[in-house]
Amino acid sequence: MNLESKYLGLNLRNPVIIGSSSLTSETENIKKLYKAGAGAIVLKSVFEEQILMEIDSQRLNNMYGSYDYTENYVGFYTKKHNLDNYLNLIEDSKKNIDIPVIASINCVSPGEWISFAQKIESAGADALELNMFIMPSDISKSGSEIEEDYLQIAKEIKSITKLPVAMKLNRYFSGMAHFMHQLSKTGIDGLVLFNRFFSPDIDLHSGKINSSHLYSLPEENAEVLRWLGILSGKLNCDLAASTGIHDGKTALKNITAGAKAIQIASVLYKSGINTIGEILKGIEEELKSMGLESIEKSQGLYNQDSILKPTLYERAQFMKYYSDHK
């Protein structure tokens, strides 16, 4: 069965990408993921604030030369936030695996951190993923202002690097389809639906705020399927699926809805890296049962433009669905 895929202009041996996580923070583990069958690796994210701290420390060093307190300041942040380690991880990964290595930056605003993309490119990364989540919690900031930040970041990053760039997004947009279309016109190469961040829970006895679901649940994939199906074929960039993909059948559903690739992480924490092979086997079995000889034949097969009842992707009335259901 031919599982070769193309995503962000990159040739993948299969569409299963390991998402950014602690699993992809060390070369030895990345080698294991490669041997287990991964089609590409997204490295653990470096954070915008880390990059900005490094920029500030370099400025201070240039201003004050060799004063001891400056060296202590620089030494502290170099130990804590040294970006050279990240660039070394890119270089080491490229030397040890023969699949695309995608760098990742976790960012929330436009700014000077964008210049770090050039260093990522020089280190040999095959692509860059921007993991973005601007929480719409500021009552003084409108939705359109927040969306403008995303658009500005996409434009700026594409202006300084030749790397393919994907943006991993959340679902908190008032006009999802319109906004995604606007993003796709910035020159960005791909959108990943959707990222997961800290979800709060309350301990009623201690009053502490804890994490709710650390790992994704299979049920969370339904919203990903909805938006893949709606957006597929309407944007000027690739789509990838993330969140709630725990087996080969679900992986293939996302591809038939319009994804060029899928990202997994939670299932690897739960069941181990050999799950990669199980997912690939599941994809092959489902393709065979559908009478398809390649993954390419399944891409977008069941998106909104291709099915008999396209409005089902947009149906919001839960009870109306069941009143029609026979």
C-alpha atoms as a PDB file:
ATOM      1  CA  MET A   1       0.000   0.000   0.000  1.00  0.00           C
ATOM      2  CA  ASN A   2       1.424   3.371  -1.004  1.00  0.00           C
ATOM      3  CA  LEU A   3       1.272   5.768   1.958  1.00  0.00           C
ATOM      4  CA  GLU A   4       3.548   8.433   0.471  1.00  0.00           C
ATOM      5  CA  SER A   5       2.168  11.914   1.031  1.00  0.00           C
ATOM      6  CA  LYS A   6       3.038  15.534   0.366  1.00  0.00           C
ATOM      7  CA  TYR A   7       2.654  18.238   3.014  1.00  0.00           C
ATOM      8  CA  LEU A   8       4.039  21.809   2.931  1.00  0.00           C
ATOM      9  CA  GLY A   9       5.779  20.814  -0.290  1.00  0.00           C
ATOM     10  CA  LEU A  10       7.690  18.107   1.600  1.00  0.00           C
ATOM     11  CA  ASN A  11       7.711  14.479   0.507  1.00  0.00           C
ATOM     12  CA  LEU A  12       6.637  12.200   3.378  1.00  0.00           C
ATOM     13  CA  ARG A  13       6.946   8.424   3.443  1.00  0.00           C
ATOM     14  CA  ASN A  14       3.558   8.447   5.197  1.00  0.00           C
ATOM     15  CA  PRO A  15       1.226  11.127   6.592  1.00  0.00           C
ATOM     16  CA  VAL A  16       1.817  10.386  10.299  1.00  0.00           C
ATOM     17  CA  ILE A  17       3.705  13.301  11.873  1.00  0.00           C
ATOM     18  CA  ILE A  18       4.849  13.321  15.487  1.00  0.00           C
ATOM     19  CA  GLY A  19       3.535  16.528  17.051  1.00  0.00           C
ATOM     20  CA  SER A  20       5.589  18.952  19.112  1.00  0.00           C
ATOM     21  CA  SER A  21       6.045  17.558  22.630  1.00  0.00           C
ATOM     22  CA  SER A  22       8.668  16.375  25.107  1.00  0.00           C
ATOM     23  CA  LEU A  23       8.854  13.225  22.967  1.00  0.00           C
ATOM     24  CA  THR A  24      10.616  15.271  20.300  1.00  0.00           C
ATOM     25  CA  SER A  25      13.024  17.184  22.518  1.00  0.00           C
ATOM     26  CA  GLU A  26      16.014  14.812  22.365  1.00  0.00           C
ATOM     27  CA  THR A  27      17.885  13.275  19.441  1.00  0.00           C
ATOM     28  CA  GLU A  28      17.863   9.725  20.834  1.00  0.00           C
ATOM     29  CA  ASN A  29      14.105   9.699  21.187  1.00  0.00           C
ATOM     30  CA  ILE A  30      13.673  11.270  17.751  1.00  0.00           C
ATOM     31  CA  LYS A  31      15.703   8.399  16.284  1.00  0.00           C
ATOM     32  CA  LYS A  32      13.350   5.914  17.965  1.00  0.00           C
ATOM     33  CA  LEU A  33      10.299   7.692  16.551  1.00  0.00           C
ATOM     34  CA  TYR A  34      11.894   7.584  13.100  1.00  0.00           C
ATOM     35  CA  LYS A  35      12.596   3.843  13.371  1.00  0.00           C
ATOM     36  CA  ALA A  36       9.024   3.271  14.576  1.00  0.00           C
ATOM     37  CA  GLY A  37       7.738   4.660  11.275  1.00  0.00           C
ATOM     38  CA  ALA A  38       7.070   8.387  11.691  1.00  0.00           C
ATOM     39  CA  GLY A  39       6.624  10.316   8.448  1.00  0.00           C
ATOM     40  CA  ALA A  40       7.979  13.592   9.886  1.00  0.00           C
ATOM     41  CA  ILE A  41       8.909  15.084  13.258  1.00  0.00           C
ATOM     42  CA  VAL A  42       7.851  18.412  14.760  1.00  0.00           C
ATOM     43  CA  LEU A  43      10.436  19.348  17.376  1.00  0.00           C
ATOM     44  CA  LYS A  44       9.382  20.482  20.834  1.00  0.00           C
ATOM     45  CA  SER A  45       8.555  24.181  20.710  1.00  0.00           C
ATOM     46  CA  VAL A  46      10.919  26.934  21.677  1.00  0.00           C
ATOM     47  CA  PHE A  47       8.927  29.751  23.271  1.00  0.00           C
ATOM     48  CA  GLU A  48       8.692  33.343  22.128  1.00  0.00           C
ATOM     49  CA  GLU A  49       9.723  34.617  25.566  1.00  0.00           C
ATOM     50  CA  GLN A  50      12.871  32.473  25.488  1.00  0.00           C
ATOM     51  CA  ILE A  51      13.914  34.070  22.216  1.00  0.00           C
ATOM     52  CA  LEU A  52      13.197  37.574  23.505  1.00  0.00           C
ATOM     53  CA  MET A  53      15.202  36.955  26.690  1.00  0.00           C
ATOM     54  CA  GLU A  54      18.142  35.795  24.613  1.00  0.00           C
ATOM     55  CA  ILE A  55      17.914  38.901  22.419  1.00  0.00           C
ATOM     56  CA  ASP A  56      17.846  41.114  25.538  1.00  0.00           C
ATOM     57  CA  SER A  57      20.847  39.364  27.083  1.00  0.00           C
ATOM     58  CA  GLN A  58      22.867  39.822  23.893  1.00  0.00           C
ATOM     59  CA  ARG A  59      22.016  43.534  23.837  1.00  0.00           C
ATOM     60  CA  LEU A  60      23.100  43.961  27.449  1.00  0.00           C
ATOM     61  CA  ASN A  61      26.371  42.220  26.713  1.00  0.00           C
ATOM     62  CA  ASN A  62      27.020  44.524  23.763  1.00  0.00           C
ATOM     63  CA  MET A  63      26.218  47.627  25.823  1.00  0.00           C
ATOM     64  CA  TYR A  64      28.300  46.896  28.911  1.00  0.00           C
ATOM     65  CA  GLY A  65      31.093  44.715  27.618  1.00  0.00           C
ATOM     66  CA  SER A  66      32.874  42.611  30.230  1.00  0.00           C
ATOM     67  CA  TYR A  67      31.405  43.891  33.504  1.00  0.00           C
ATOM     68  CA  ASP A  68      30.986  40.995  35.943  1.00  0.00           C
ATOM     69  CA  TYR A  69      27.304  41.606  36.642  1.00  0.00           C
ATOM     70  CA  THR A  70      26.607  41.588  32.928  1.00  0.00           C
ATOM     71  CA  GLU A  71      28.382  38.266  32.545  1.00  0.00           C
ATOM     72  CA  ASN A  72      26.354  36.864  35.439  1.00  0.00           C
ATOM     73  CA  TYR A  73      23.143  38.122  33.821  1.00  0.00           C
ATOM     74  CA  VAL A  74      24.056  36.672  30.458  1.00  0.00           C
ATOM     75  CA  GLY A  75      25.264  33.443  32.045  1.00  0.00           C
ATOM     76  CA  PHE A  76      21.975  32.969  33.878  1.00  0.00           C
ATOM     77  CA  TYR A  77      19.815  33.349  30.812  1.00  0.00           C
ATOM     78  CA  THR A  78      22.220  31.421  28.628  1.00  0.00           C
ATOM     79  CA  LYS A  79      21.959  28.451  30.977  1.00  0.00           C
ATOM     80  CA  LYS A  80      18.220  28.737  31.259  1.00  0.00           C
ATOM     81  CA  HIS A  81      17.243  29.753  27.750  1.00  0.00           C
ATOM     82  CA  ASN A  82      20.187  28.983  25.479  1.00  0.00           C
ATOM     83  CA  LEU A  83      18.792  28.800  21.972  1.00  0.00           C
ATOM     84  CA  ASP A  84      21.959  27.168  20.670  1.00  0.00           C
ATOM     85  CA  ASN A  85      20.681  23.905  22.147  1.00  0.00           C
ATOM     86  CA  TYR A  86      17.605  24.137  19.952  1.00  0.00           C
ATOM     87  CA  LEU A  87      19.629  24.818  16.832  1.00  0.00           C
ATOM     88  CA  ASN A  88      21.881  21.885  17.730  1.00  0.00           C
ATOM     89  CA  LEU A  89      18.825  19.670  18.080  1.00  0.00           C
ATOM     90  CA  ILE A  90      17.800  20.576  14.532  1.00  0.00           C
ATOM     91  CA  GLU A  91      21.268  19.820  13.198  1.00  0.00           C
ATOM     92  CA  ASP A  92      21.605  16.527  15.095  1.00  0.00           C
ATOM     93  CA  SER A  93      18.146  15.385  14.037  1.00  0.00           C
ATOM     94  CA  LYS A  94      18.926  16.053  10.375  1.00  0.00           C
ATOM     95  CA  LYS A  95      22.105  13.985  10.673  1.00  0.00           C
ATOM     96  CA  ASN A  96      20.346  11.011  12.252  1.00  0.00           C
ATOM     97  CA  ILE A  97      16.993  10.666  10.489  1.00  0.00           C
ATOM     98  CA  ASP A  98      15.929  10.675   6.873  1.00  0.00           C
ATOM     99  CA  ILE A  99      12.518  12.308   7.191  1.00  0.00           C
ATOM    100  CA  PRO A 100      11.502  15.990   7.396  1.00  0.00           C
ATOM    101  CA  VAL A 101      12.388  17.813  10.611  1.00  0.00           C
ATOM    102  CA  ILE A 102       9.970  20.652  11.396  1.00  0.00           C
ATOM    103  CA  ALA A 103      11.029  23.272  13.936  1.00  0.00           C
ATOM    104  CA  SER A 104       8.388  24.811  16.190  1.00  0.00           C
ATOM    105  CA  ILE A 105       7.976  28.199  17.863  1.00  0.00           C
ATOM    106  CA  ASN A 106       5.254  28.813  20.434  1.00  0.00           C
ATOM    107  CA  CYS A 107       4.255  32.436  19.934  1.00  0.00           C
ATOM    108  CA  VAL A 108       1.518  34.894  20.861  1.00  0.00           C
ATOM    109  CA  SER A 109       2.515  38.211  19.284  1.00  0.00           C
ATOM    110  CA  PRO A 110       4.366  39.827  16.384  1.00  0.00           C
ATOM    111  CA  GLY A 111       7.852  41.052  17.223  1.00  0.00           C
ATOM    112  CA  GLU A 112      11.585  40.594  17.177  1.00  0.00           C
ATOM    113  CA  TRP A 113      11.455  36.863  17.901  1.00  0.00           C
ATOM    114  CA  ILE A 114      10.566  36.375  14.224  1.00  0.00           C
ATOM    115  CA  SER A 115      14.230  36.917  13.325  1.00  0.00           C
ATOM    116  CA  PHE A 116      15.033  33.566  14.954  1.00  0.00           C
ATOM    117  CA  ALA A 117      13.380  31.859  11.970  1.00  0.00           C
ATOM    118  CA  GLN A 118      16.473  32.657   9.918  1.00  0.00           C
ATOM    119  CA  LYS A 119      18.665  30.765  12.383  1.00  0.00           C
ATOM    120  CA  ILE A 120      16.286  27.822  12.231  1.00  0.00           C
ATOM    121  CA  GLU A 121      16.583  27.854   8.447  1.00  0.00           C
ATOM    122  CA  SER A 122      20.392  27.981   8.628  1.00  0.00           C
ATOM    123  CA  ALA A 123      20.425  25.047  11.063  1.00  0.00           C
ATOM    124  CA  GLY A 124      18.809  22.879   8.385  1.00  0.00           C
ATOM    125  CA  ALA A 125      15.153  22.569   9.386  1.00  0.00           C
ATOM    126  CA  ASP A 126      12.844  21.459   6.583  1.00  0.00           C
ATOM    127  CA  ALA A 127       9.928  23.626   7.719  1.00  0.00           C
ATOM    128  CA  LEU A 128       8.679  25.775  10.584  1.00  0.00           C
ATOM    129  CA  GLU A 129       5.483  25.385  12.579  1.00  0.00           C
ATOM    130  CA  LEU A 130       4.131  28.330  14.562  1.00  0.00           C
ATOM    131  CA  ASN A 131       2.143  27.042  17.517  1.00  0.00           C
ATOM    132  CA  MET A 132      -0.207  29.922  18.259  1.00  0.00           C
ATOM    133  CA  PHE A 133      -2.917  30.527  20.818  1.00  0.00           C
ATOM    134  CA  ILE A 134      -3.825  34.095  21.686  1.00  0.00           C
ATOM    135  CA  MET A 135      -6.443  33.693  24.399  1.00  0.00           C
ATOM    136  CA  PRO A 136      -9.373  36.049  23.611  1.00  0.00           C
ATOM    137  CA  SER A 137      -9.648  37.036  27.279  1.00  0.00           C
ATOM    138  CA  ASP A 138      -8.792  40.747  27.052  1.00  0.00           C
ATOM    139  CA  ILE A 139     -12.135  42.588  27.191  1.00  0.00           C
ATOM    140  CA  SER A 140     -10.537  45.669  25.611  1.00  0.00           C
ATOM    141  CA  LYS A 141      -9.369  43.788  22.514  1.00  0.00           C
ATOM    142  CA  SER A 142     -11.784  42.900  19.702  1.00  0.00           C
ATOM    143  CA  GLY A 143     -11.779  39.655  17.760  1.00  0.00           C
ATOM    144  CA  SER A 144     -10.639  41.426  14.609  1.00  0.00           C
ATOM    145  CA  GLU A 145      -7.645  42.902  16.478  1.00  0.00           C
ATOM    146  CA  ILE A 146      -6.603  39.456  17.656  1.00  0.00           C
ATOM    147  CA  GLU A 147      -6.996  38.041  14.155  1.00  0.00           C
ATOM    148  CA  GLU A 148      -4.822  40.852  12.802  1.00  0.00           C
ATOM    149  CA  ASP A 149      -1.988  39.657  15.066  1.00  0.00           C
ATOM    150  CA  TYR A 150      -2.161  36.209  13.464  1.00  0.00           C
ATOM    151  CA  LEU A 151      -2.179  37.713   9.968  1.00  0.00           C
ATOM    152  CA  GLN A 152       0.731  40.020  10.744  1.00  0.00           C
ATOM    153  CA  ILE A 153       2.849  37.185  12.160  1.00  0.00           C
ATOM    154  CA  ALA A 154       2.147  35.038   9.104  1.00  0.00           C
ATOM    155  CA  LYS A 155       3.151  37.834   6.727  1.00  0.00           C
ATOM    156  CA  GLU A 156       6.293  38.781   8.655  1.00  0.00           C
ATOM    157  CA  ILE A 157       7.575  35.231   9.040  1.00  0.00           C
ATOM    158  CA  LYS A 158       7.062  34.500   5.354  1.00  0.00           C
ATOM    159  CA  SER A 159       8.955  37.678   4.442  1.00  0.00           C
ATOM    160  CA  ILE A 160      12.182  36.593   6.142  1.00  0.00           C
ATOM    161  CA  THR A 161      12.440  32.838   5.539  1.00  0.00           C
ATOM    162  CA  LYS A 162      12.258  30.544   2.543  1.00  0.00           C
ATOM    163  CA  LEU A 163      11.136  27.658   4.737  1.00  0.00           C
ATOM    164  CA  PRO A 164       7.613  26.286   4.362  1.00  0.00           C
ATOM    165  CA  VAL A 165       5.604  27.634   7.306  1.00  0.00           C
ATOM    166  CA  ALA A 166       2.575  26.087   8.991  1.00  0.00           C
ATOM    167  CA  MET A 167       0.477  27.691  11.695  1.00  0.00           C
ATOM    168  CA  LYS A 168      -1.088  25.518  14.385  1.00  0.00           C
ATOM    169  CA  LEU A 169      -4.323  27.160  15.491  1.00  0.00           C
ATOM    170  CA  ASN A 170      -7.156  27.022  17.994  1.00  0.00           C
ATOM    171  CA  ARG A 171     -10.908  27.246  17.404  1.00  0.00           C
ATOM    172  CA  TYR A 172     -11.562  30.632  19.047  1.00  0.00           C
ATOM    173  CA  PHE A 173     -12.435  32.712  16.002  1.00  0.00           C
ATOM    174  CA  SER A 174     -15.806  34.305  15.342  1.00  0.00           C
ATOM    175  CA  GLY A 175     -15.703  33.733  11.596  1.00  0.00           C
ATOM    176  CA  MET A 176     -13.589  30.608  11.288  1.00  0.00           C
ATOM    177  CA  ALA A 177     -13.909  29.949   7.559  1.00  0.00           C
ATOM    178  CA  HIS A 178     -13.353  33.596   6.567  1.00  0.00           C
ATOM    179  CA  PHE A 179     -10.365  33.998   8.873  1.00  0.00           C
ATOM    180  CA  MET A 180      -8.711  30.757   7.731  1.00  0.00           C
ATOM    181  CA  HIS A 181      -9.162  31.879   4.138  1.00  0.00           C
ATOM    182  CA  GLN A 182      -7.518  35.217   4.949  1.00  0.00           C
ATOM    183  CA  LEU A 183      -4.613  33.425   6.608  1.00  0.00           C
ATOM    184  CA  SER A 184      -4.151  31.160   3.613  1.00  0.00           C
ATOM    185  CA  LYS A 185      -3.732  34.248   1.408  1.00  0.00           C
ATOM    186  CA  THR A 186      -0.722  35.505   3.420  1.00  0.00           C
ATOM    187  CA  GLY A 187       1.574  33.020   1.678  1.00  0.00           C
ATOM    188  CA  ILE A 188       1.559  30.590   4.576  1.00  0.00           C
ATOM    189  CA  ASP A 189       1.967  26.979   3.486  1.00  0.00           C
ATOM    190  CA  GLY A 190      -0.220  25.085   5.931  1.00  0.00           C
ATOM    191  CA  LEU A 191      -2.703  25.249   8.808  1.00  0.00           C
ATOM    192  CA  VAL A 192      -2.854  22.636  11.579  1.00  0.00           C
ATOM    193  CA  LEU A 193      -6.243  22.052  13.218  1.00  0.00           C
ATOM    194  CA  PHE A 194      -6.176  22.250  16.246  1.00  0.00           C
ATOM    195  CA  ASN A 195      -3.684  22.826  19.053  1.00  0.00           C
ATOM    196  CA  ARG A 196      -4.326  21.937  22.694  1.00  0.00           C
ATOM    197  CA  PHE A 197      -3.240  24.003  25.663  1.00  0.00           C
ATOM    198  CA  PHE A 198      -3.681  23.960  29.397  1.00  0.00           C
ATOM    199  CA  SER A 199      -7.298  23.321  30.427  1.00  0.00           C
ATOM    200  CA  PRO A 200      -8.082  24.367  34.004  1.00  0.00           C
ATOM    201  CA  ASP A 201      -9.850  22.315  36.643  1.00  0.00           C
ATOM    202  CA  ILE A 202     -10.696  23.277  40.239  1.00  0.00           C
ATOM    203  CA  ASP A 203      -9.950  21.214  43.333  1.00  0.00           C
ATOM    204  CA  LEU A 204     -12.932  22.074  45.523  1.00  0.00           C
ATOM    205  CA  HIS A 205     -11.142  21.170  48.764  1.00  0.00           C
ATOM    206  CA  SER A 206      -7.755  22.846  48.269  1.00  0.00           C
ATOM    207  CA  GLY A 207      -8.922  25.646  45.974  1.00  0.00           C
ATOM    208  CA  LYS A 208      -6.043  24.904  43.632  1.00  0.00           C
ATOM    209  CA  ILE A 209      -6.297  25.241  39.873  1.00  0.00           C
ATOM    210  CA  ASN A 210      -5.071  22.030  38.264  1.00  0.00           C
ATOM    211  CA  SER A 211      -4.834  20.705  34.745  1.00  0.00           C
ATOM    212  CA  SER A 212      -7.920  18.988  33.390  1.00  0.00           C
ATOM    213  CA  HIS A 213      -7.298  16.620  30.461  1.00  0.00           C
ATOM    214  CA  LEU A 214      -3.562  16.473  29.919  1.00  0.00           C
ATOM    215  CA  TYR A 215      -3.904  14.199  26.910  1.00  0.00           C
ATOM    216  CA  SER A 216      -6.367  14.454  24.061  1.00  0.00           C
ATOM    217  CA  LEU A 217      -9.449  12.237  23.962  1.00  0.00           C
ATOM    218  CA  PRO A 218     -10.763  10.496  20.805  1.00  0.00           C
ATOM    219  CA  GLU A 219     -14.033  12.453  21.105  1.00  0.00           C
ATOM    220  CA  GLU A 220     -12.170  15.732  20.560  1.00  0.00           C
ATOM    221  CA  ASN A 221     -11.466  14.829  16.953  1.00  0.00           C
ATOM    222  CA  ALA A 222     -15.050  15.498  15.834  1.00  0.00           C
ATOM    223  CA  GLU A 223     -14.503  19.274  15.671  1.00  0.00           C
ATOM    224  CA  VAL A 224     -11.314  18.739  13.693  1.00  0.00           C
ATOM    225  CA  LEU A 225     -13.233  16.624  11.177  1.00  0.00           C
ATOM    226  CA  ARG A 226     -15.941  19.263  10.889  1.00  0.00           C
ATOM    227  CA  TRP A 227     -13.556  22.067   9.984  1.00  0.00           C
ATOM    228  CA  LEU A 228     -11.363  19.949   7.740  1.00  0.00           C
ATOM    229  CA  GLY A 229     -14.449  18.969   5.795  1.00  0.00           C
ATOM    230  CA  ILE A 230     -15.664  22.549   5.503  1.00  0.00           C
ATOM    231  CA  LEU A 231     -12.310  24.154   4.632  1.00  0.00           C
ATOM    232  CA  SER A 232     -10.777  21.482   2.411  1.00  0.00           C
ATOM    233  CA  GLY A 233     -10.485  22.680  -1.177  1.00  0.00           C
ATOM    234  CA  LYS A 234     -11.294  26.278  -0.263  1.00  0.00           C
ATOM    235  CA  LEU A 235      -7.908  27.491   1.027  1.00  0.00           C
ATOM    236  CA  ASN A 236      -4.623  28.398  -0.630  1.00  0.00           C
ATOM    237  CA  CYS A 237      -2.593  26.122   1.648  1.00  0.00           C
ATOM    238  CA  ASP A 238      -2.405  22.585   3.020  1.00  0.00           C
ATOM    239  CA  LEU A 239      -4.357  21.366   6.024  1.00  0.00           C
ATOM    240  CA  ALA A 240      -3.139  19.002   8.735  1.00  0.00           C
ATOM    241  CA  ALA A 241      -5.153  17.381  11.522  1.00  0.00           C
ATOM    242  CA  SER A 242      -4.249  17.243  15.191  1.00  0.00           C
ATOM    243  CA  THR A 243      -6.050  16.334  18.439  1.00  0.00           C
ATOM    244  CA  GLY A 244      -7.884  13.112  19.264  1.00  0.00           C
ATOM    245  CA  ILE A 245      -6.193  10.889  16.660  1.00  0.00           C
ATOM    246  CA  HIS A 246      -5.499   7.609  18.437  1.00  0.00           C
ATOM    247  CA  ASP A 247      -5.819   4.937  15.736  1.00  0.00           C
ATOM    248  CA  GLY A 248      -5.500   4.291  12.018  1.00  0.00           C
ATOM    249  CA  LYS A 249      -9.216   4.531  11.296  1.00  0.00           C
ATOM    250  CA  THR A 250      -9.467   8.008  12.815  1.00  0.00           C
ATOM    251  CA  ALA A 251      -6.281   9.046  11.013  1.00  0.00           C
ATOM    252  CA  LEU A 252      -7.780   8.080   7.662  1.00  0.00           C
ATOM    253  CA  LYS A 253     -11.083   9.826   8.443  1.00  0.00           C
ATOM    254  CA  ASN A 254      -9.160  13.081   8.850  1.00  0.00           C
ATOM    255  CA  ILE A 255      -7.374  12.551   5.561  1.00  0.00           C
ATOM    256  CA  THR A 256     -10.623  11.832   3.712  1.00  0.00           C
ATOM    257  CA  ALA A 257     -12.026  15.039   5.236  1.00  0.00           C
ATOM    258  CA  GLY A 258      -9.164  17.000   3.682  1.00  0.00           C
ATOM    259  CA  ALA A 259      -5.977  16.698   5.770  1.00  0.00           C
ATOM    260  CA  LYS A 260      -2.687  16.174   3.934  1.00  0.00           C
ATOM    261  CA  ALA A 261      -1.127  14.846   7.146  1.00  0.00           C
ATOM    262  CA  ILE A 262      -2.052  14.047  10.728  1.00  0.00           C
ATOM    263  CA  GLN A 263      -0.217  14.792  13.970  1.00  0.00           C
ATOM    264  CA  ILE A 264      -0.117  12.498  16.988  1.00  0.00           C
ATOM    265  CA  ALA A 265       1.345  12.829  20.483  1.00  0.00           C
ATOM    266  CA  SER A 266      -1.099  11.914  23.278  1.00  0.00           C
ATOM    267  CA  VAL A 267      -1.549   8.342  22.068  1.00  0.00           C
ATOM    268  CA  LEU A 268       2.227   7.846  22.177  1.00  0.00           C
ATOM    269  CA  TYR A 269       2.329   8.896  25.824  1.00  0.00           C
ATOM    270  CA  LYS A 270      -0.536   6.528  26.611  1.00  0.00           C
ATOM    271  CA  SER A 271       0.474   3.495  24.557  1.00  0.00           C
ATOM    272  CA  GLY A 272       4.123   3.910  23.545  1.00  0.00           C
ATOM    273  CA  ILE A 273       5.879   4.711  20.277  1.00  0.00           C
ATOM    274  CA  ASN A 274       5.077   1.329  18.720  1.00  0.00           C
ATOM    275  CA  THR A 275       1.577   2.756  18.281  1.00  0.00           C
ATOM    276  CA  ILE A 276       2.958   4.513  15.184  1.00  0.00           C
ATOM    277  CA  GLY A 277       3.230   1.165  13.413  1.00  0.00           C
ATOM    278  CA  GLU A 278      -0.251   0.167  14.565  1.00  0.00           C
ATOM    279  CA  ILE A 279      -1.718   3.399  13.177  1.00  0.00           C
ATOM    280  CA  LEU A 280       0.036   2.871   9.832  1.00  0.00           C
ATOM    281  CA  LYS A 281      -1.250  -0.711   9.690  1.00  0.00           C
ATOM    282  CA  GLY A 282      -4.752   0.529  10.493  1.00  0.00           C
ATOM    283  CA  ILE A 283      -4.580   3.088   7.676  1.00  0.00           C
ATOM    284  CA  GLU A 284      -3.499   0.397   5.222  1.00  0.00           C
ATOM    285  CA  GLU A 285      -6.310  -1.942   6.287  1.00  0.00           C
ATOM    286  CA  GLU A 286      -8.939   0.781   5.925  1.00  0.00           C
ATOM    287  CA  LEU A 287      -7.622   1.823   2.513  1.00  0.00           C
ATOM    288  CA  LYS A 288      -7.756  -1.784   1.365  1.00  0.00           C
ATOM    289  CA  SER A 289     -11.348  -2.149   2.597  1.00  0.00           C
ATOM    290  CA  MET A 290     -12.247   1.004   0.626  1.00  0.00           C
ATOM    291  CA  GLY A 291     -10.639  -0.393  -2.542  1.00  0.00           C
ATOM    292  CA  LEU A 292      -7.969   2.329  -2.643  1.00  0.00           C
ATOM    293  CA  GLU A 293      -4.338   1.599  -3.489  1.00  0.00           C
ATOM    294  CA  SER A 294      -2.791   4.806  -2.111  1.00  0.00           C
ATOM    295  CA  ILE A 295      -3.285   7.404   0.585  1.00  0.00           C
ATOM    296  CA  GLU A 296      -3.322  10.089  -2.093  1.00  0.00           C
ATOM    297  CA  LYS A 297      -6.565   8.685  -3.523  1.00  0.00           C
ATOM    298  CA  SER A 298      -8.286   9.219  -0.175  1.00  0.00           C
ATOM    299  CA  GLN A 299      -7.279  12.850   0.425  1.00  0.00           C
ATOM    300  CA  GLY A 300     -10.360  15.069   0.507  1.00  0.00           C
ATOM    301  CA  LEU A 301     -12.542  12.195  -0.710  1.00  0.00           C
ATOM    302  CA  TYR A 302     -15.293  13.071   1.776  1.00  0.00           C
ATOM    303  CA  ASN A 303     -14.895  16.807   2.220  1.00  0.00           C
ATOM    304  CA  GLN A 304     -17.903  19.114   2.054  1.00  0.00           C
ATOM    305  CA  ASP A 305     -17.696  19.575  -1.704  1.00  0.00           C
ATOM    306  CA  SER A 306     -17.645  15.833  -2.347  1.00  0.00           C
ATOM    307  CA  ILE A 307     -20.474  14.332  -0.278  1.00  0.00           C
ATOM    308  CA  LEU A 308     -24.180  14.052  -1.029  1.00  0.00           C
ATOM    309  CA  LYS A 309     -25.311  15.990   2.070  1.00  0.00           C
ATOM    310  CA  PRO A 310     -22.684  18.733   2.551  1.00  0.00           C
ATOM    311  CA  THR A 311     -24.801  20.608   5.110  1.00  0.00           C
ATOM    312  CA  LEU A 312     -24.138  17.835   7.644  1.00  0.00           C
ATOM    313  CA  TYR A 313     -20.700  19.356   8.248  1.00  0.00           C
ATOM    314  CA  GLU A 314     -22.437  22.573   9.311  1.00  0.00           C
ATOM    315  CA  ARG A 315     -25.342  21.174  11.286  1.00  0.00           C
ATOM    316  CA  ALA A 316     -25.406  22.647  14.784  1.00  0.00           C
ATOM    317  CA  GLN A 317     -28.848  21.623  16.045  1.00  0.00           C
ATOM    318  CA  PHE A 318     -28.244  18.436  18.023  1.00  0.00           C
ATOM    319  CA  MET A 319     -31.917  17.571  18.576  1.00  0.00           C
ATOM    320  CA  LYS A 320     -32.841  18.323  14.973  1.00  0.00           C
ATOM    321  CA  TYR A 321     -30.317  15.713  13.874  1.00  0.00           C
ATOM    322  CA  TYR A 322     -31.943  13.079  16.064  1.00  0.00           C
ATOM    323  CA  SER A 323     -35.453  14.064  15.012  1.00  0.00           C
ATOM    324  CA  ASP A 324     -34.413  13.356  11.416  1.00  0.00           C
ATOM    325  CA  HIS A 325     -32.485  10.209  12.295  1.00  0.00           C
ATOM    326  CA  LYS A 326     -34.125   6.921  11.385  1.00  0.00           C
END
